[in-house]
Protein backbone atom coordinates (compact mmCIF):
# COMPACT_ATOMS: atom_id res chain seq x y z
CA UNK A 1 0.00 0.00 0.00
CA UNK A 2 2.84 2.39 0.75
CA UNK A 3 4.25 1.97 -2.77
CA UNK A 4 0.94 3.00 -4.30
CA UNK A 5 0.76 5.93 -1.88
CA UNK A 6 4.23 7.14 -2.82
CA UNK A 7 3.31 7.07 -6.53
CA UNK A 8 0.18 9.14 -5.93
CA UNK A 9 0.59 12.80 -6.90
CA UNK A 10 0.22 15.21 -3.99
CA UNK A 11 -2.75 17.14 -5.37
CA UNK A 12 -5.71 18.78 -3.69
CA UNK A 13 -7.96 17.52 -6.49
CA UNK A 14 -7.03 13.91 -5.80
CA UNK A 15 -7.78 14.50 -2.12
CA UNK A 16 -11.09 16.10 -2.99
CA UNK A 17 -11.98 13.06 -5.12
CA UNK A 18 -11.03 10.63 -2.37
CA UNK A 19 -12.82 12.74 0.22
CA UNK A 20 -16.05 12.73 -1.78
CA UNK A 21 -15.90 9.11 -2.95
CA UNK A 22 -15.54 7.46 0.46
CA UNK A 23 -18.50 9.26 2.11
CA UNK A 24 -20.62 8.70 -1.01
CA UNK A 25 -20.16 4.95 -0.67
CA UNK A 26 -20.66 4.91 3.10
CA UNK A 27 -23.63 7.28 3.06
CA UNK A 28 -25.20 5.17 0.31
CA UNK A 29 -24.91 2.15 2.59
CA UNK A 30 -26.36 4.21 5.46
CA UNK A 31 -29.24 5.33 3.24
CA UNK A 32 -30.00 1.71 2.36
CA UNK A 33 -29.94 0.69 6.03
CA UNK A 34 -32.17 3.61 7.08
CA UNK A 35 -34.76 2.80 4.43
CA UNK A 36 -34.78 -0.98 4.89
CA UNK A 37 -34.45 -1.46 8.67
CA UNK A 38 -37.58 -0.27 10.43
CA UNK A 39 -35.93 0.34 13.81
CA UNK A 40 -33.36 2.68 12.23
CA UNK A 41 -35.77 4.78 10.19
CA UNK A 42 -35.00 7.92 12.24
CA UNK A 43 -31.24 7.36 12.52
CA UNK A 44 -30.02 10.15 10.25
CA UNK A 45 -26.81 10.38 12.26
CA UNK A 46 -25.54 7.30 10.43
CA UNK A 47 -24.65 9.77 7.69
CA UNK A 48 -22.26 11.51 10.10
CA UNK A 49 -20.43 8.19 10.53
CA UNK A 50 -19.92 8.03 6.79
CA UNK A 51 -18.46 11.51 6.80
CA UNK A 52 -16.35 10.94 9.94
CA UNK A 53 -14.34 8.20 8.22
CA UNK A 54 -12.70 11.03 6.27
CA UNK A 55 -10.94 12.14 9.47
CA UNK A 56 -9.11 8.81 9.67
CA UNK A 57 -8.24 8.82 5.97
CA UNK A 58 -7.01 12.42 6.21
CA UNK A 59 -4.80 11.52 9.19
CA UNK A 60 -3.34 8.63 7.17
CA UNK A 61 -2.30 10.92 4.32
CA UNK A 62 -0.89 13.54 6.69
CA UNK A 63 1.21 10.80 8.31
CA UNK A 64 2.87 10.06 4.96
CA UNK A 65 3.46 13.75 4.11
CA UNK A 66 0.79 13.98 1.42
CA UNK A 67 -0.38 17.33 2.76
CA UNK A 68 -2.28 18.53 -0.31
CA UNK A 69 -4.25 15.28 -0.50
CA UNK A 70 -5.09 15.70 3.19
CA UNK A 71 -6.22 19.27 2.54
CA UNK A 72 -8.47 18.08 -0.28
CA UNK A 73 -10.01 15.47 2.02
CA UNK A 74 -10.54 18.16 4.66
CA UNK A 75 -12.30 20.38 2.11
CA UNK A 76 -14.52 17.47 1.05
CA UNK A 77 -15.33 16.74 4.70
CA UNK A 78 -16.52 20.32 5.23
CA UNK A 79 -18.52 20.17 2.00
CA UNK A 80 -20.22 16.95 3.12
CA UNK A 81 -20.89 18.43 6.56
CA UNK A 82 -22.57 21.49 5.01
CA UNK A 83 -24.70 19.22 2.79
CA UNK A 84 -25.74 17.21 5.85
CA UNK A 85 -26.54 20.43 7.73
CA UNK A 86 -28.71 21.60 4.84
CA UNK A 87 -30.43 18.22 4.76
CA UNK A 88 -31.26 18.41 8.46
CA UNK A 89 -32.38 22.07 8.45
CA UNK A 90 -34.42 22.13 5.26
PDB file of N, CA and C in Angstrom:
ATOM      1  N   UNK A   1       0.826  -1.198   0.000  1.00  0.00           N
ATOM      2  CA  UNK A   1       0.000   0.000   0.000  1.00  0.00           C
ATOM      3  C   UNK A   1       0.867   1.258   0.000  1.00  0.00           C
ATOM      4  N   UNK A   2       1.986   1.214   0.698  1.00  0.00           N
ATOM      5  CA  UNK A   2       2.839   2.394   0.754  1.00  0.00           C
ATOM      6  C   UNK A   2       3.443   2.720  -0.608  1.00  0.00           C
ATOM      7  N   UNK A   3       3.711   1.711  -1.434  1.00  0.00           N
ATOM      8  CA  UNK A   3       4.254   1.967  -2.771  1.00  0.00           C
ATOM      9  C   UNK A   3       3.241   2.715  -3.632  1.00  0.00           C
ATOM     10  N   UNK A   4       1.984   2.313  -3.544  1.00  0.00           N
ATOM     11  CA  UNK A   4       0.942   3.002  -4.296  1.00  0.00           C
ATOM     12  C   UNK A   4       0.756   4.424  -3.781  1.00  0.00           C
ATOM     13  N   UNK A   5       0.908   4.609  -2.473  1.00  0.00           N
ATOM     14  CA  UNK A   5       0.762   5.933  -1.878  1.00  0.00           C
ATOM     15  C   UNK A   5       1.889   6.858  -2.306  1.00  0.00           C
ATOM     16  N   UNK A   6       3.095   6.324  -2.396  1.00  0.00           N
ATOM     17  CA  UNK A   6       4.230   7.143  -2.825  1.00  0.00           C
ATOM     18  C   UNK A   6       4.102   7.578  -4.279  1.00  0.00           C
ATOM     19  N   UNK A   7       3.479   6.746  -5.115  1.00  0.00           N
ATOM     20  CA  UNK A   7       3.313   7.074  -6.534  1.00  0.00           C
ATOM     21  C   UNK A   7       2.195   8.074  -6.770  1.00  0.00           C
ATOM     22  N   UNK A   8       1.318   8.242  -5.798  1.00  0.00           N
ATOM     23  CA  UNK A   8       0.175   9.139  -5.935  1.00  0.00           C
ATOM     24  C   UNK A   8       0.637  10.589  -5.889  1.00  0.00           C
ATOM     25  N   UNK A   9       0.222  11.386  -6.878  1.00  0.00           N
ATOM     26  CA  UNK A   9       0.586  12.799  -6.898  1.00  0.00           C
ATOM     27  C   UNK A   9      -0.040  13.513  -5.714  1.00  0.00           C
ATOM     28  N   UNK A  10       0.695  14.439  -5.138  1.00  0.00           N
ATOM     29  CA  UNK A  10       0.216  15.208  -3.990  1.00  0.00           C
ATOM     30  C   UNK A  10      -0.602  16.391  -4.505  1.00  0.00           C
ATOM     31  N   UNK A  11      -1.874  16.138  -4.779  1.00  0.00           N
ATOM     32  CA  UNK A  11      -2.745  17.145  -5.370  1.00  0.00           C
ATOM     33  C   UNK A  11      -4.023  17.291  -4.548  1.00  0.00           C
ATOM     34  N   UNK A  12      -4.470  18.511  -4.420  1.00  0.00           N
ATOM     35  CA  UNK A  12      -5.707  18.783  -3.694  1.00  0.00           C
ATOM     36  C   UNK A  12      -6.889  18.139  -4.404  1.00  0.00           C
ATOM     37  N   UNK A  13      -6.848  18.094  -5.729  1.00  0.00           N
ATOM     38  CA  UNK A  13      -7.959  17.522  -6.490  1.00  0.00           C
ATOM     39  C   UNK A  13      -8.103  16.020  -6.248  1.00  0.00           C
ATOM     40  N   UNK A  14      -6.973  15.337  -6.118  1.00  0.00           N
ATOM     41  CA  UNK A  14      -7.027  13.909  -5.795  1.00  0.00           C
ATOM     42  C   UNK A  14      -7.626  13.720  -4.407  1.00  0.00           C
ATOM     43  N   UNK A  15      -7.217  14.554  -3.468  1.00  0.00           N
ATOM     44  CA  UNK A  15      -7.780  14.498  -2.120  1.00  0.00           C
ATOM     45  C   UNK A  15      -9.263  14.807  -2.102  1.00  0.00           C
ATOM     46  N   UNK A  16      -9.677  15.762  -2.914  1.00  0.00           N
ATOM     47  CA  UNK A  16     -11.095  16.096  -2.990  1.00  0.00           C
ATOM     48  C   UNK A  16     -11.882  14.911  -3.558  1.00  0.00           C
ATOM     49  N   UNK A  17     -11.325  14.241  -4.554  1.00  0.00           N
ATOM     50  CA  UNK A  17     -11.985  13.063  -5.115  1.00  0.00           C
ATOM     51  C   UNK A  17     -12.096  11.934  -4.109  1.00  0.00           C
ATOM     52  N   UNK A  18     -11.014  11.673  -3.396  1.00  0.00           N
ATOM     53  CA  UNK A  18     -11.031  10.628  -2.368  1.00  0.00           C
ATOM     54  C   UNK A  18     -12.010  11.002  -1.264  1.00  0.00           C
ATOM     55  N   UNK A  19     -11.970  12.271  -0.865  1.00  0.00           N
ATOM     56  CA  UNK A  19     -12.822  12.744   0.222  1.00  0.00           C
ATOM     57  C   UNK A  19     -14.299  12.775  -0.123  1.00  0.00           C
ATOM     58  N   UNK A  20     -14.650  12.793  -1.387  1.00  0.00           N
ATOM     59  CA  UNK A  20     -16.054  12.729  -1.783  1.00  0.00           C
ATOM     60  C   UNK A  20     -16.494  11.306  -2.102  1.00  0.00           C
ATOM     61  N   UNK A  21     -15.569  10.480  -2.576  1.00  0.00           N
ATOM     62  CA  UNK A  21     -15.904   9.107  -2.953  1.00  0.00           C
ATOM     63  C   UNK A  21     -16.207   8.237  -1.733  1.00  0.00           C
ATOM     64  N   UNK A  22     -15.364   8.305  -0.722  1.00  0.00           N
ATOM     65  CA  UNK A  22     -15.544   7.456   0.463  1.00  0.00           C
ATOM     66  C   UNK A  22     -16.866   7.748   1.171  1.00  0.00           C
ATOM     67  N   UNK A  23     -17.201   9.022   1.477  1.00  0.00           N
ATOM     68  CA  UNK A  23     -18.502   9.263   2.113  1.00  0.00           C
ATOM     69  C   UNK A  23     -19.677   8.926   1.210  1.00  0.00           C
ATOM     70  N   UNK A  24     -19.515   9.054  -0.102  1.00  0.00           N
ATOM     71  CA  UNK A  24     -20.616   8.702  -1.008  1.00  0.00           C
ATOM     72  C   UNK A  24     -20.954   7.224  -0.877  1.00  0.00           C
ATOM     73  N   UNK A  25     -19.937   6.385  -0.823  1.00  0.00           N
ATOM     74  CA  UNK A  25     -20.161   4.947  -0.671  1.00  0.00           C
ATOM     75  C   UNK A  25     -20.776   4.649   0.698  1.00  0.00           C
ATOM     76  N   UNK A  26     -20.187   5.199   1.752  1.00  0.00           N
ATOM     77  CA  UNK A  26     -20.663   4.907   3.105  1.00  0.00           C
ATOM     78  C   UNK A  26     -22.037   5.503   3.384  1.00  0.00           C
ATOM     79  N   UNK A  27     -22.308   6.692   2.868  1.00  0.00           N
ATOM     80  CA  UNK A  27     -23.635   7.283   3.059  1.00  0.00           C
ATOM     81  C   UNK A  27     -24.682   6.554   2.221  1.00  0.00           C
ATOM     82  N   UNK A  28     -24.283   6.006   1.092  1.00  0.00           N
ATOM     83  CA  UNK A  28     -25.195   5.173   0.313  1.00  0.00           C
ATOM     84  C   UNK A  28     -25.594   3.917   1.075  1.00  0.00           C
ATOM     85  N   UNK A  29     -24.614   3.311   1.745  1.00  0.00           N
ATOM     86  CA  UNK A  29     -24.913   2.150   2.588  1.00  0.00           C
ATOM     87  C   UNK A  29     -25.810   2.561   3.746  1.00  0.00           C
ATOM     88  N   UNK A  30     -25.524   3.713   4.360  1.00  0.00           N
ATOM     89  CA  UNK A  30     -26.357   4.206   5.462  1.00  0.00           C
ATOM     90  C   UNK A  30     -27.778   4.488   4.981  1.00  0.00           C
ATOM     91  N   UNK A  31     -27.916   5.057   3.778  1.00  0.00           N
ATOM     92  CA  UNK A  31     -29.244   5.327   3.239  1.00  0.00           C
ATOM     93  C   UNK A  31     -30.026   4.029   3.067  1.00  0.00           C
ATOM     94  N   UNK A  32     -29.345   3.004   2.546  1.00  0.00           N
ATOM     95  CA  UNK A  32     -29.995   1.705   2.363  1.00  0.00           C
ATOM     96  C   UNK A  32     -30.450   1.132   3.708  1.00  0.00           C
ATOM     97  N   UNK A  33     -29.592   1.214   4.702  1.00  0.00           N
ATOM     98  CA  UNK A  33     -29.943   0.694   6.031  1.00  0.00           C
ATOM     99  C   UNK A  33     -31.116   1.462   6.624  1.00  0.00           C
ATOM    100  N   UNK A  34     -31.097   2.776   6.511  1.00  0.00           N
ATOM    101  CA  UNK A  34     -32.166   3.612   7.082  1.00  0.00           C
ATOM    102  C   UNK A  34     -33.507   3.291   6.434  1.00  0.00           C
ATOM    103  N   UNK A  35     -33.509   3.038   5.137  1.00  0.00           N
ATOM    104  CA  UNK A  35     -34.760   2.799   4.430  1.00  0.00           C
ATOM    105  C   UNK A  35     -35.235   1.346   4.447  1.00  0.00           C
ATOM    106  N   UNK A  36     -34.390   0.425   4.897  1.00  0.00           N
ATOM    107  CA  UNK A  36     -34.781  -0.981   4.890  1.00  0.00           C
ATOM    108  C   UNK A  36     -34.820  -1.632   6.269  1.00  0.00           C
ATOM    109  N   UNK A  37     -34.374  -0.948   7.303  1.00  0.00           N
ATOM    110  CA  UNK A  37     -34.448  -1.464   8.667  1.00  0.00           C
ATOM    111  C   UNK A  37     -35.397  -0.555   9.434  1.00  0.00           C
ATOM    112  N   UNK A  38     -36.529  -1.088   9.835  1.00  0.00           N
ATOM    113  CA  UNK A  38     -37.582  -0.270  10.429  1.00  0.00           C
ATOM    114  C   UNK A  38     -37.138   0.403  11.722  1.00  0.00           C
ATOM    115  N   UNK A  39     -36.324  -0.251  12.527  1.00  0.00           N
ATOM    116  CA  UNK A  39     -35.927   0.344  13.808  1.00  0.00           C
ATOM    117  C   UNK A  39     -34.921   1.478  13.642  1.00  0.00           C
ATOM    118  N   UNK A  40     -34.328   1.606  12.478  1.00  0.00           N
ATOM    119  CA  UNK A  40     -33.360   2.677  12.226  1.00  0.00           C
ATOM    120  C   UNK A  40     -33.902   3.749  11.282  1.00  0.00           C
ATOM    121  N   UNK A  41     -35.202   3.838  11.153  1.00  0.00           N
ATOM    122  CA  UNK A  41     -35.772   4.779  10.191  1.00  0.00           C
ATOM    123  C   UNK A  41     -35.539   6.239  10.560  1.00  0.00           C
ATOM    124  N   UNK A  42     -35.253   6.538  11.812  1.00  0.00           N
ATOM    125  CA  UNK A  42     -34.996   7.918  12.242  1.00  0.00           C
ATOM    126  C   UNK A  42     -33.520   8.163  12.556  1.00  0.00           C
ATOM    127  N   UNK A  43     -32.657   7.276  12.171  1.00  0.00           N
ATOM    128  CA  UNK A  43     -31.238   7.356  12.521  1.00  0.00           C
ATOM    129  C   UNK A  43     -30.440   8.097  11.449  1.00  0.00           C
ATOM    130  N   UNK A  44     -30.727   9.361  11.254  1.00  0.00           N
ATOM    131  CA  UNK A  44     -30.017  10.147  10.251  1.00  0.00           C
ATOM    132  C   UNK A  44     -28.549  10.371  10.614  1.00  0.00           C
ATOM    133  N   UNK A  45     -28.199  10.160  11.869  1.00  0.00           N
ATOM    134  CA  UNK A  45     -26.812  10.378  12.262  1.00  0.00           C
ATOM    135  C   UNK A  45     -25.868   9.296  11.734  1.00  0.00           C
ATOM    136  N   UNK A  46     -26.405   8.268  11.109  1.00  0.00           N
ATOM    137  CA  UNK A  46     -25.539   7.300  10.430  1.00  0.00           C
ATOM    138  C   UNK A  46     -24.765   7.974   9.298  1.00  0.00           C
ATOM    139  N   UNK A  47     -25.350   9.025   8.745  1.00  0.00           N
ATOM    140  CA  UNK A  47     -24.648   9.769   7.693  1.00  0.00           C
ATOM    141  C   UNK A  47     -23.383  10.430   8.235  1.00  0.00           C
ATOM    142  N   UNK A  48     -23.427  10.884   9.487  1.00  0.00           N
ATOM    143  CA  UNK A  48     -22.256  11.509  10.101  1.00  0.00           C
ATOM    144  C   UNK A  48     -21.115  10.490  10.200  1.00  0.00           C
ATOM    145  N   UNK A  49     -21.457   9.238  10.484  1.00  0.00           N
ATOM    146  CA  UNK A  49     -20.435   8.194  10.532  1.00  0.00           C
ATOM    147  C   UNK A  49     -19.738   8.018   9.195  1.00  0.00           C
ATOM    148  N   UNK A  50     -20.509   8.127   8.125  1.00  0.00           N
ATOM    149  CA  UNK A  50     -19.921   8.035   6.794  1.00  0.00           C
ATOM    150  C   UNK A  50     -18.985   9.182   6.483  1.00  0.00           C
ATOM    151  N   UNK A  51     -19.298  10.334   7.014  1.00  0.00           N
ATOM    152  CA  UNK A  51     -18.456  11.509   6.803  1.00  0.00           C
ATOM    153  C   UNK A  51     -17.244  11.476   7.734  1.00  0.00           C
ATOM    154  N   UNK A  52     -17.424  10.954   8.944  1.00  0.00           N
ATOM    155  CA  UNK A  52     -16.352  10.941   9.942  1.00  0.00           C
ATOM    156  C   UNK A  52     -15.187  10.042   9.547  1.00  0.00           C
ATOM    157  N   UNK A  53     -15.430   9.085   8.683  1.00  0.00           N
ATOM    158  CA  UNK A  53     -14.343   8.205   8.220  1.00  0.00           C
ATOM    159  C   UNK A  53     -13.276   9.031   7.508  1.00  0.00           C
ATOM    160  N   UNK A  54     -13.668  10.155   6.938  1.00  0.00           N
ATOM    161  CA  UNK A  54     -12.703  11.031   6.270  1.00  0.00           C
ATOM    162  C   UNK A  54     -11.615  11.508   7.224  1.00  0.00           C
ATOM    163  N   UNK A  55     -11.940  11.676   8.506  1.00  0.00           N
ATOM    164  CA  UNK A  55     -10.937  12.135   9.474  1.00  0.00           C
ATOM    165  C   UNK A  55      -9.798  11.117   9.586  1.00  0.00           C
ATOM    166  N   UNK A  56     -10.149   9.844   9.605  1.00  0.00           N
ATOM    167  CA  UNK A  56      -9.113   8.814   9.672  1.00  0.00           C
ATOM    168  C   UNK A  56      -8.289   8.782   8.384  1.00  0.00           C
ATOM    169  N   UNK A  57      -8.950   8.862   7.255  1.00  0.00           N
ATOM    170  CA  UNK A  57      -8.243   8.820   5.972  1.00  0.00           C
ATOM    171  C   UNK A  57      -7.330  10.039   5.837  1.00  0.00           C
ATOM    172  N   UNK A  58      -7.813  11.195   6.268  1.00  0.00           N
ATOM    173  CA  UNK A  58      -7.009  12.416   6.208  1.00  0.00           C
ATOM    174  C   UNK A  58      -5.765  12.270   7.085  1.00  0.00           C
ATOM    175  N   UNK A  59      -5.916  11.724   8.282  1.00  0.00           N
ATOM    176  CA  UNK A  59      -4.795  11.519   9.188  1.00  0.00           C
ATOM    177  C   UNK A  59      -3.768  10.574   8.559  1.00  0.00           C
ATOM    178  N   UNK A  60      -4.224   9.569   7.844  1.00  0.00           N
ATOM    179  CA  UNK A  60      -3.345   8.625   7.172  1.00  0.00           C
ATOM    180  C   UNK A  60      -2.472   9.334   6.134  1.00  0.00           C
ATOM    181  N   UNK A  61      -3.073  10.215   5.350  1.00  0.00           N
ATOM    182  CA  UNK A  61      -2.295  10.917   4.320  1.00  0.00           C
ATOM    183  C   UNK A  61      -1.366  11.954   4.934  1.00  0.00           C
ATOM    184  N   UNK A  62      -1.784  12.600   6.016  1.00  0.00           N
ATOM    185  CA  UNK A  62      -0.886  13.544   6.692  1.00  0.00           C
ATOM    186  C   UNK A  62       0.321  12.813   7.266  1.00  0.00           C
ATOM    187  N   UNK A  63       0.127  11.599   7.729  1.00  0.00           N
ATOM    188  CA  UNK A  63       1.208  10.796   8.308  1.00  0.00           C
ATOM    189  C   UNK A  63       2.299  10.523   7.275  1.00  0.00           C
ATOM    190  N   UNK A  64       1.917  10.344   6.028  1.00  0.00           N
ATOM    191  CA  UNK A  64       2.872  10.058   4.958  1.00  0.00           C
ATOM    192  C   UNK A  64       3.222  11.293   4.126  1.00  0.00           C
ATOM    193  N   UNK A  65       3.065  12.468   4.709  1.00  0.00           N
ATOM    194  CA  UNK A  65       3.460  13.750   4.106  1.00  0.00           C
ATOM    195  C   UNK A  65       2.807  14.025   2.754  1.00  0.00           C
ATOM    196  N   UNK A  66       1.587  13.619   2.601  1.00  0.00           N
ATOM    197  CA  UNK A  66       0.794  13.977   1.420  1.00  0.00           C
ATOM    198  C   UNK A  66      -0.176  15.078   1.872  1.00  0.00           C
ATOM    199  N   UNK A  67       0.385  16.254   2.138  1.00  0.00           N
ATOM    200  CA  UNK A  67      -0.381  17.329   2.765  1.00  0.00           C
ATOM    201  C   UNK A  67      -1.490  17.865   1.875  1.00  0.00           C
ATOM    202  N   UNK A  68      -1.242  18.000   0.583  1.00  0.00           N
ATOM    203  CA  UNK A  68      -2.276  18.527  -0.305  1.00  0.00           C
ATOM    204  C   UNK A  68      -3.437  17.561  -0.450  1.00  0.00           C
ATOM    205  N   UNK A  69      -3.164  16.267  -0.458  1.00  0.00           N
ATOM    206  CA  UNK A  69      -4.252  15.283  -0.501  1.00  0.00           C
ATOM    207  C   UNK A  69      -5.067  15.392   0.780  1.00  0.00           C
ATOM    208  N   UNK A  70      -4.390  15.526   1.919  1.00  0.00           N
ATOM    209  CA  UNK A  70      -5.088  15.702   3.187  1.00  0.00           C
ATOM    210  C   UNK A  70      -5.938  16.955   3.207  1.00  0.00           C
ATOM    211  N   UNK A  71      -5.448  18.017   2.620  1.00  0.00           N
ATOM    212  CA  UNK A  71      -6.224  19.267   2.542  1.00  0.00           C
ATOM    213  C   UNK A  71      -7.461  19.096   1.658  1.00  0.00           C
ATOM    214  N   UNK A  72      -7.316  18.357   0.578  1.00  0.00           N
ATOM    215  CA  UNK A  72      -8.469  18.084  -0.278  1.00  0.00           C
ATOM    216  C   UNK A  72      -9.521  17.264   0.448  1.00  0.00           C
ATOM    217  N   UNK A  73      -9.078  16.274   1.240  1.00  0.00           N
ATOM    218  CA  UNK A  73     -10.009  15.467   2.018  1.00  0.00           C
ATOM    219  C   UNK A  73     -10.702  16.330   3.069  1.00  0.00           C
ATOM    220  N   UNK A  74      -9.951  17.250   3.681  1.00  0.00           N
ATOM    221  CA  UNK A  74     -10.541  18.159   4.663  1.00  0.00           C
ATOM    222  C   UNK A  74     -11.601  19.048   4.014  1.00  0.00           C
ATOM    223  N   UNK A  75     -11.320  19.555   2.821  1.00  0.00           N
ATOM    224  CA  UNK A  75     -12.299  20.384   2.113  1.00  0.00           C
ATOM    225  C   UNK A  75     -13.550  19.572   1.782  1.00  0.00           C
ATOM    226  N   UNK A  76     -13.370  18.335   1.364  1.00  0.00           N
ATOM    227  CA  UNK A  76     -14.515  17.471   1.054  1.00  0.00           C
ATOM    228  C   UNK A  76     -15.319  17.165   2.310  1.00  0.00           C
ATOM    229  N   UNK A  77     -14.639  17.009   3.439  1.00  0.00           N
ATOM    230  CA  UNK A  77     -15.332  16.742   4.701  1.00  0.00           C
ATOM    231  C   UNK A  77     -16.224  17.921   5.077  1.00  0.00           C
ATOM    232  N   UNK A  78     -15.702  19.140   4.933  1.00  0.00           N
ATOM    233  CA  UNK A  78     -16.524  20.318   5.228  1.00  0.00           C
ATOM    234  C   UNK A  78     -17.688  20.433   4.251  1.00  0.00           C
ATOM    235  N   UNK A  79     -17.459  20.130   2.994  1.00  0.00           N
ATOM    236  CA  UNK A  79     -18.524  20.167   2.003  1.00  0.00           C
ATOM    237  C   UNK A  79     -19.624  19.171   2.354  1.00  0.00           C
ATOM    238  N   UNK A  80     -19.236  17.966   2.718  1.00  0.00           N
ATOM    239  CA  UNK A  80     -20.223  16.951   3.117  1.00  0.00           C
ATOM    240  C   UNK A  80     -20.959  17.357   4.381  1.00  0.00           C
ATOM    241  N   UNK A  81     -20.252  17.980   5.324  1.00  0.00           N
ATOM    242  CA  UNK A  81     -20.893  18.427   6.557  1.00  0.00           C
ATOM    243  C   UNK A  81     -21.924  19.521   6.271  1.00  0.00           C
ATOM    244  N   UNK A  82     -21.607  20.440   5.369  1.00  0.00           N
ATOM    245  CA  UNK A  82     -22.575  21.487   5.005  1.00  0.00           C
ATOM    246  C   UNK A  82     -23.785  20.893   4.298  1.00  0.00           C
ATOM    247  N   UNK A  83     -23.572  19.896   3.461  1.00  0.00           N
ATOM    248  CA  UNK A  83     -24.698  19.223   2.792  1.00  0.00           C
ATOM    249  C   UNK A  83     -25.575  18.535   3.823  1.00  0.00           C
ATOM    250  N   UNK A  84     -24.968  17.868   4.799  1.00  0.00           N
ATOM    251  CA  UNK A  84     -25.743  17.213   5.853  1.00  0.00           C
ATOM    252  C   UNK A  84     -26.510  18.242   6.684  1.00  0.00           C
ATOM    253  N   UNK A  85     -25.878  19.362   6.991  1.00  0.00           N
ATOM    254  CA  UNK A  85     -26.541  20.429   7.733  1.00  0.00           C
ATOM    255  C   UNK A  85     -27.747  20.950   6.958  1.00  0.00           C
ATOM    256  N   UNK A  86     -27.578  21.164   5.660  1.00  0.00           N
ATOM    257  CA  UNK A  86     -28.706  21.603   4.841  1.00  0.00           C
ATOM    258  C   UNK A  86     -29.822  20.562   4.789  1.00  0.00           C
ATOM    259  N   UNK A  87     -29.450  19.305   4.760  1.00  0.00           N
ATOM    260  CA  UNK A  87     -30.426  18.216   4.762  1.00  0.00           C
ATOM    261  C   UNK A  87     -31.239  18.218   6.049  1.00  0.00           C
ATOM    262  N   UNK A  88     -30.559  18.448   7.172  1.00  0.00           N
ATOM    263  CA  UNK A  88     -31.261  18.414   8.464  1.00  0.00           C
ATOM    264  C   UNK A  88     -32.103  19.674   8.692  1.00  0.00           C
ATOM    265  N   UNK A  89     -31.659  20.816   8.205  1.00  0.00           N
ATOM    266  CA  UNK A  89     -32.377  22.075   8.451  1.00  0.00           C
ATOM    267  C   UNK A  89     -33.561  22.236   7.507  1.00  0.00           C
ATOM    268  N   UNK A  90     -33.361  21.908   6.243  1.00  0.00           N
ATOM    269  CA  UNK A  90     -34.423  22.131   5.265  1.00  0.00           C
ATOM    270  C   UNK A  90     -35.127  20.866   5.029  1.00  0.00           C
TER     271      UNK A  90
END
